Amino acid sequence: MASKTVETPKTFKVTPEFETWLGRALLDIGCSLTDLVKTCLILSVPSVTAKPSIVQKFKEEGFDPHG
């Protein structure tokens, strides 16, 4: 049985290129932003917890939609 969900709005800043890439990904996958973000967090948090320096690496290197 699924737990009751509570709506907790969160915001984050992205570049226009990232927003375009994300929008296309959502269309290709066919899911909501909420479902995609939840899934990605569940999959990635253990990796980031194991190697927190990866956050700084992405912060410094930015986002390449072609990479």
Protein backbone atom coordinates (compact mmCIF):
# COMPACT_ATOMS: atom_id res chain seq x y z
CA MET A 1 0.00 0.00 0.00
CA ALA A 2 1.37 3.39 -0.98
CA SER A 3 1.89 6.05 1.65
CA LYS A 4 -0.17 9.21 1.55
CA THR A 5 1.71 11.95 -0.26
CA VAL A 6 1.98 15.55 0.83
CA GLU A 7 2.54 18.29 -1.72
CA THR A 8 5.71 20.17 -0.88
CA PRO A 9 6.68 22.55 -3.70
CA LYS A 10 10.40 22.75 -4.40
CA THR A 11 12.15 24.97 -6.91
CA PHE A 12 15.59 24.91 -8.45
CA LYS A 13 17.46 27.08 -10.93
CA VAL A 14 18.37 25.81 -14.40
CA THR A 15 19.78 27.30 -17.56
CA PRO A 16 17.55 27.65 -20.63
CA GLU A 17 19.49 24.77 -22.24
CA PHE A 18 18.82 22.53 -19.25
CA GLU A 19 15.13 23.46 -19.27
CA THR A 20 14.86 22.55 -22.96
CA TRP A 21 16.68 19.26 -22.41
CA LEU A 22 14.49 18.41 -19.42
CA GLY A 23 11.30 19.22 -21.31
CA ARG A 24 12.32 16.95 -24.17
CA ALA A 25 13.24 14.19 -21.74
CA LEU A 26 9.83 14.42 -20.07
CA LEU A 27 8.10 14.13 -23.45
CA ASP A 28 10.28 11.19 -24.49
CA ILE A 29 9.79 9.35 -21.20
CA GLY A 30 6.11 10.23 -20.90
CA CYS A 31 6.03 11.02 -17.21
CA SER A 32 5.53 14.02 -14.95
CA LEU A 33 8.35 16.16 -13.64
CA THR A 34 7.46 15.00 -10.13
CA ASP A 35 7.76 11.33 -11.06
CA LEU A 36 11.03 11.87 -12.91
CA VAL A 37 12.62 13.89 -10.09
CA LYS A 38 11.53 11.38 -7.43
CA THR A 39 12.88 8.47 -9.47
CA CYS A 40 16.17 10.21 -10.21
CA LEU A 41 16.67 11.15 -6.57
CA ILE A 42 15.96 7.61 -5.40
CA LEU A 43 18.49 6.28 -7.90
CA SER A 44 21.18 8.93 -7.41
CA VAL A 45 21.24 9.78 -3.70
CA PRO A 46 23.13 6.59 -2.75
CA SER A 47 25.83 7.41 -5.32
CA VAL A 48 26.11 11.03 -4.21
CA THR A 49 26.18 9.93 -0.57
CA ALA A 50 29.08 7.61 -1.37
CA LYS A 51 30.95 10.36 -3.23
CA PRO A 52 29.69 13.83 -2.21
CA SER A 53 32.41 15.58 -4.24
CA ILE A 54 30.42 14.76 -7.37
CA VAL A 55 28.05 17.62 -6.48
CA GLN A 56 30.91 20.13 -6.66
CA LYS A 57 32.10 18.62 -9.95
CA PHE A 58 28.72 19.15 -11.61
CA LYS A 59 28.47 22.61 -10.08
CA GLU A 60 31.86 23.60 -11.53
CA GLU A 61 31.54 21.92 -14.93
CA GLY A 62 27.96 22.90 -15.61
CA PHE A 63 25.57 21.09 -17.90
CA ASP A 64 26.26 19.88 -21.43
CA PRO A 65 23.05 18.66 -23.12
CA HIS A 66 25.15 16.85 -25.73
CA GLY A 67 27.53 15.17 -23.31
